[in-house]
Amino acid sequence: MTSINRCLLCAGFLTFGLAAQAGLERLNATERPLLRHSLATIPMELNDWAGRDEPMDPEIVERAQTTEYVSRVYESRNHPGVQFTLWINYSTEGTNLRHTPEICLPSSGWSKVESQTRELSLPTHEGKPLRLTRLGYAKDDLVKHVGFWYYIFGEGRLENMVRQLPITSRSSHGRTTRGSSMTVEVFYPGDVDPEAHALGEFTRELAEALEPILPTDRAEYHVP
């Protein structure tokens, strides 16, 4: 085989490989729905809750791989002394699901308290229950609670069904996400609102405020 023929053959293989790669990318094209409005449009006043923005450590923002986020503290007018720290993290790539509380808190020295961890189903204004996990964590003499749930946008029925299988690893959510995603975390001291009554009131108002912001094509999950 002459050098010219070898060059032509190599060029042919290269062209075929590039065409095959482009074809695979088209077949696996991922829809990544954007938020309908910015998270900054979440009202500072949520019925009886008054909020204020809190600065977030840039290192945490970078590590969380966030595209857009909200970091706020909301105080209750009905429950003196009760305040919740809200952290909402939206990612167009879905990579923020690698940073759930069950992954990040233990890495920071917090130990999960199983007796204070439970799944909740809370009523909303729309009538559809909001499901979330109330997690408990301890570090030295401190105990904190975290209300947590998340959304995956642009996910079809097949992907949704696969996620329900017991063989699916929770930690793989970020790697298998079909579309964009958003996590919602509500932090507060463990000795505040032990029965999650105030948490229920707050998340009901928050869910209503989020409705016009979120894409309509979404799947909702409450387990980290």
Protein backbone atom coordinates (compact mmCIF):
# COMPACT_ATOMS: atom_id res chain seq x y z
CA MET A 1 0.00 0.00 0.00
CA THR A 2 1.43 3.33 -1.02
CA SER A 3 1.79 6.23 1.40
CA ILE A 4 -0.97 8.09 -0.45
CA ASN A 5 -3.35 5.15 -0.07
CA ARG A 6 -2.49 4.87 3.62
CA CYS A 7 -3.22 8.57 4.10
CA LEU A 8 -6.55 8.22 2.30
CA LEU A 9 -7.46 5.20 4.43
CA CYS A 10 -6.59 7.03 7.67
CA ALA A 11 -8.56 10.05 6.53
CA GLY A 12 -11.53 7.79 5.80
CA PHE A 13 -11.39 6.21 9.27
CA LEU A 14 -11.12 9.66 10.86
CA THR A 15 -14.09 10.97 8.89
CA PHE A 16 -16.14 7.90 9.82
CA GLY A 17 -15.22 8.28 13.49
CA LEU A 18 -16.15 11.95 13.59
CA ALA A 19 -19.46 11.24 11.84
CA ALA A 20 -20.24 8.42 14.27
CA GLN A 21 -19.46 10.63 17.25
CA ALA A 22 -21.69 13.40 15.90
CA GLY A 23 -24.47 10.88 15.36
CA LEU A 24 -24.19 9.59 18.92
CA GLU A 25 -24.30 13.13 20.28
CA ARG A 26 -27.49 13.79 18.32
CA LEU A 27 -29.06 10.57 19.59
CA ASN A 28 -28.16 11.43 23.17
CA ALA A 29 -29.05 15.10 22.98
CA THR A 30 -30.07 16.22 26.44
CA GLU A 31 -32.86 18.70 27.06
CA ARG A 32 -31.88 21.08 29.85
CA PRO A 33 -34.90 23.32 30.57
CA LEU A 34 -34.15 26.74 31.99
CA LEU A 35 -36.06 28.33 34.85
CA ARG A 36 -38.96 30.45 33.65
CA HIS A 37 -37.84 33.28 35.92
CA SER A 38 -34.79 34.04 38.02
CA LEU A 39 -34.61 32.64 41.56
CA ALA A 40 -34.06 36.22 42.67
CA THR A 41 -37.77 36.83 41.99
CA ILE A 42 -38.73 34.69 45.00
CA PRO A 43 -40.41 37.25 47.28
CA MET A 44 -38.67 38.42 50.43
CA GLU A 45 -42.09 38.29 52.10
CA LEU A 46 -43.69 34.85 52.11
CA ASN A 47 -46.95 35.49 53.91
CA ASP A 48 -45.86 35.58 57.58
CA TRP A 49 -42.19 35.02 56.80
CA ALA A 50 -39.76 37.93 56.30
CA GLY A 51 -36.52 37.23 54.45
CA ARG A 52 -33.12 38.78 53.92
CA ASP A 53 -30.31 37.73 51.60
CA GLU A 54 -27.27 36.11 53.17
CA PRO A 55 -23.84 36.08 51.47
CA MET A 56 -22.61 32.65 50.44
CA ASP A 57 -18.97 31.59 50.50
CA PRO A 58 -17.77 31.66 46.84
CA GLU A 59 -15.96 28.37 47.44
CA ILE A 60 -19.25 26.69 48.38
CA VAL A 61 -20.95 28.15 45.30
CA GLU A 62 -18.17 26.80 43.08
CA ARG A 63 -18.11 23.41 44.77
CA ALA A 64 -21.90 23.09 44.46
CA GLN A 65 -21.55 23.64 40.70
CA THR A 66 -24.45 26.05 40.74
CA THR A 67 -25.71 28.06 37.76
CA GLU A 68 -28.01 30.18 39.91
CA TYR A 69 -28.75 30.17 43.62
CA VAL A 70 -30.57 31.85 46.49
CA SER A 71 -29.17 32.12 50.01
CA ARG A 72 -31.60 33.70 52.48
CA VAL A 73 -32.75 33.71 56.06
CA TYR A 74 -36.50 33.85 56.69
CA GLU A 75 -37.90 34.75 60.11
CA SER A 76 -41.40 33.87 61.29
CA ARG A 77 -43.78 36.49 62.62
CA ASN A 78 -46.03 33.78 64.05
CA HIS A 79 -43.29 31.76 65.75
CA PRO A 80 -40.97 34.09 67.70
CA GLY A 81 -37.35 33.00 67.49
CA VAL A 82 -37.92 30.63 64.56
CA GLN A 83 -35.84 31.31 61.48
CA PHE A 84 -34.89 29.15 58.52
CA THR A 85 -31.81 29.41 56.33
CA LEU A 86 -32.81 28.73 52.73
CA TRP A 87 -30.33 27.46 50.13
CA ILE A 88 -31.68 26.83 46.62
CA ASN A 89 -29.23 25.64 44.00
CA TYR A 90 -30.13 25.38 40.28
CA SER A 91 -27.79 23.76 37.73
CA THR A 92 -28.35 23.58 33.98
CA GLU A 93 -26.07 20.53 33.84
CA GLY A 94 -27.69 18.66 36.74
CA THR A 95 -24.33 18.26 38.47
CA ASN A 96 -25.51 19.88 41.72
CA LEU A 97 -27.23 16.61 42.68
CA ARG A 98 -23.81 15.28 43.65
CA HIS A 99 -23.93 17.63 46.62
CA THR A 100 -26.95 16.56 48.67
CA PRO A 101 -26.97 17.03 52.49
CA GLU A 102 -26.28 13.31 52.98
CA ILE A 103 -23.03 13.74 51.07
CA CYS A 104 -21.88 17.22 52.12
CA LEU A 105 -22.74 17.29 55.86
CA PRO A 106 -20.90 14.07 56.82
CA SER A 107 -17.85 15.32 54.91
CA SER A 108 -17.94 18.40 57.19
CA GLY A 109 -17.99 16.34 60.38
CA TRP A 110 -21.76 16.06 60.92
CA SER A 111 -23.23 12.67 61.86
CA LYS A 112 -26.73 11.67 60.80
CA VAL A 113 -29.28 11.19 63.61
CA GLU A 114 -31.62 8.53 62.29
CA SER A 115 -34.19 9.07 65.06
CA GLN A 116 -34.66 12.69 63.90
CA THR A 117 -34.82 11.88 60.20
CA ARG A 118 -38.17 11.25 58.56
CA GLU A 119 -40.10 11.71 55.33
CA LEU A 120 -42.89 14.29 55.35
CA SER A 121 -45.87 14.89 53.11
CA LEU A 122 -47.09 18.45 53.60
CA PRO A 123 -50.21 20.09 52.14
CA THR A 124 -49.80 23.02 49.74
CA HIS A 125 -52.12 25.74 48.45
CA GLU A 126 -52.50 23.82 45.15
CA GLY A 127 -53.72 20.72 47.00
CA LYS A 128 -50.88 18.46 45.79
CA PRO A 129 -48.78 17.35 48.79
CA LEU A 130 -45.17 18.47 48.91
CA ARG A 131 -42.95 15.56 49.86
CA LEU A 132 -39.61 16.20 51.53
CA THR A 133 -37.13 14.62 53.87
CA ARG A 134 -36.46 16.21 57.28
CA LEU A 135 -32.88 15.20 58.10
CA GLY A 136 -31.22 15.40 61.53
CA TYR A 137 -27.45 15.85 62.00
CA ALA A 138 -25.27 16.24 65.09
CA LYS A 139 -21.79 17.66 65.61
CA ASP A 140 -20.36 17.85 69.14
CA ASP A 141 -23.23 19.37 71.19
CA LEU A 142 -24.99 20.88 68.18
CA VAL A 143 -27.95 19.36 66.33
CA LYS A 144 -29.37 20.74 63.10
CA HIS A 145 -32.33 19.83 60.94
CA VAL A 146 -32.52 20.10 57.17
CA GLY A 147 -35.69 20.03 55.10
CA PHE A 148 -34.68 18.73 51.66
CA TRP A 149 -36.25 17.99 48.27
CA TYR A 150 -35.19 18.39 44.65
CA TYR A 151 -36.41 18.64 41.07
CA ILE A 152 -35.14 17.23 37.78
CA PHE A 153 -36.31 19.17 34.72
CA GLY A 154 -36.82 17.65 31.29
CA GLU A 155 -36.89 14.09 32.58
CA GLY A 156 -39.09 11.65 30.68
CA ARG A 157 -41.19 8.75 31.99
CA LEU A 158 -38.48 6.18 31.25
CA GLU A 159 -35.82 8.03 33.25
CA ASN A 160 -38.31 8.60 36.04
CA MET A 161 -39.13 4.88 36.17
CA VAL A 162 -35.46 3.87 36.23
CA ARG A 163 -34.83 6.15 39.20
CA GLN A 164 -37.42 4.27 41.24
CA LEU A 165 -35.62 0.94 40.87
CA PRO A 166 -33.91 -0.30 44.06
CA ILE A 167 -30.70 -0.95 42.10
CA THR A 168 -30.34 2.74 41.28
CA SER A 169 -27.75 4.37 43.53
CA ARG A 170 -28.87 7.63 45.10
CA SER A 171 -25.39 9.04 44.71
CA SER A 172 -25.60 8.50 40.94
CA HIS A 173 -28.42 11.01 40.45
CA GLY A 174 -26.07 13.78 39.37
CA ARG A 175 -24.36 11.53 36.82
CA THR A 176 -27.59 10.17 35.33
CA THR A 177 -29.68 13.33 35.26
CA ARG A 178 -31.25 13.80 31.85
CA GLY A 179 -31.87 17.52 32.24
CA SER A 180 -31.22 20.45 34.51
CA SER A 181 -31.95 20.21 38.23
CA MET A 182 -32.58 22.18 41.41
CA THR A 183 -32.15 21.35 45.09
CA VAL A 184 -33.98 23.03 47.97
CA GLU A 185 -32.51 22.92 51.49
CA VAL A 186 -33.97 24.53 54.62
CA PHE A 187 -31.62 24.58 57.64
CA TYR A 188 -32.54 25.32 61.27
CA PRO A 189 -31.40 24.38 64.80
CA GLY A 190 -32.54 20.98 66.05
CA ASP A 191 -34.26 22.36 69.16
CA VAL A 192 -36.49 24.59 67.01
CA ASP A 193 -39.72 23.23 65.55
CA PRO A 194 -39.22 19.56 66.58
CA GLU A 195 -42.57 18.48 65.08
CA ALA A 196 -41.93 20.35 61.80
CA HIS A 197 -45.08 22.48 62.10
CA ALA A 198 -43.29 25.73 61.19
CA LEU A 199 -41.36 23.90 58.47
CA GLY A 200 -44.68 22.84 56.97
CA GLU A 201 -45.98 26.42 56.97
CA PHE A 202 -42.80 27.78 55.41
CA THR A 203 -42.45 25.16 52.69
CA ARG A 204 -46.11 25.62 51.72
CA GLU A 205 -45.49 29.33 51.06
CA LEU A 206 -42.18 28.61 49.36
CA ALA A 207 -43.71 26.00 47.06
CA GLU A 208 -46.33 28.52 45.92
CA ALA A 209 -43.62 31.12 45.24
CA LEU A 210 -41.57 28.60 43.23
CA GLU A 211 -44.45 27.48 41.00
CA PRO A 212 -44.20 30.33 38.41
CA ILE A 213 -40.40 29.97 38.34
CA LEU A 214 -40.02 26.25 37.68
CA PRO A 215 -40.31 24.57 34.27
CA THR A 216 -43.56 22.66 33.92
CA ASP A 217 -41.77 19.52 32.66
CA ARG A 218 -40.28 18.21 35.88
CA ALA A 219 -39.97 15.29 38.23
CA GLU A 220 -39.97 15.86 42.00
CA TYR A 221 -38.07 13.85 44.60
CA HIS A 222 -37.84 14.05 48.36
CA VAL A 223 -35.19 11.44 49.19
CA PRO A 224 -31.56 12.68 49.14
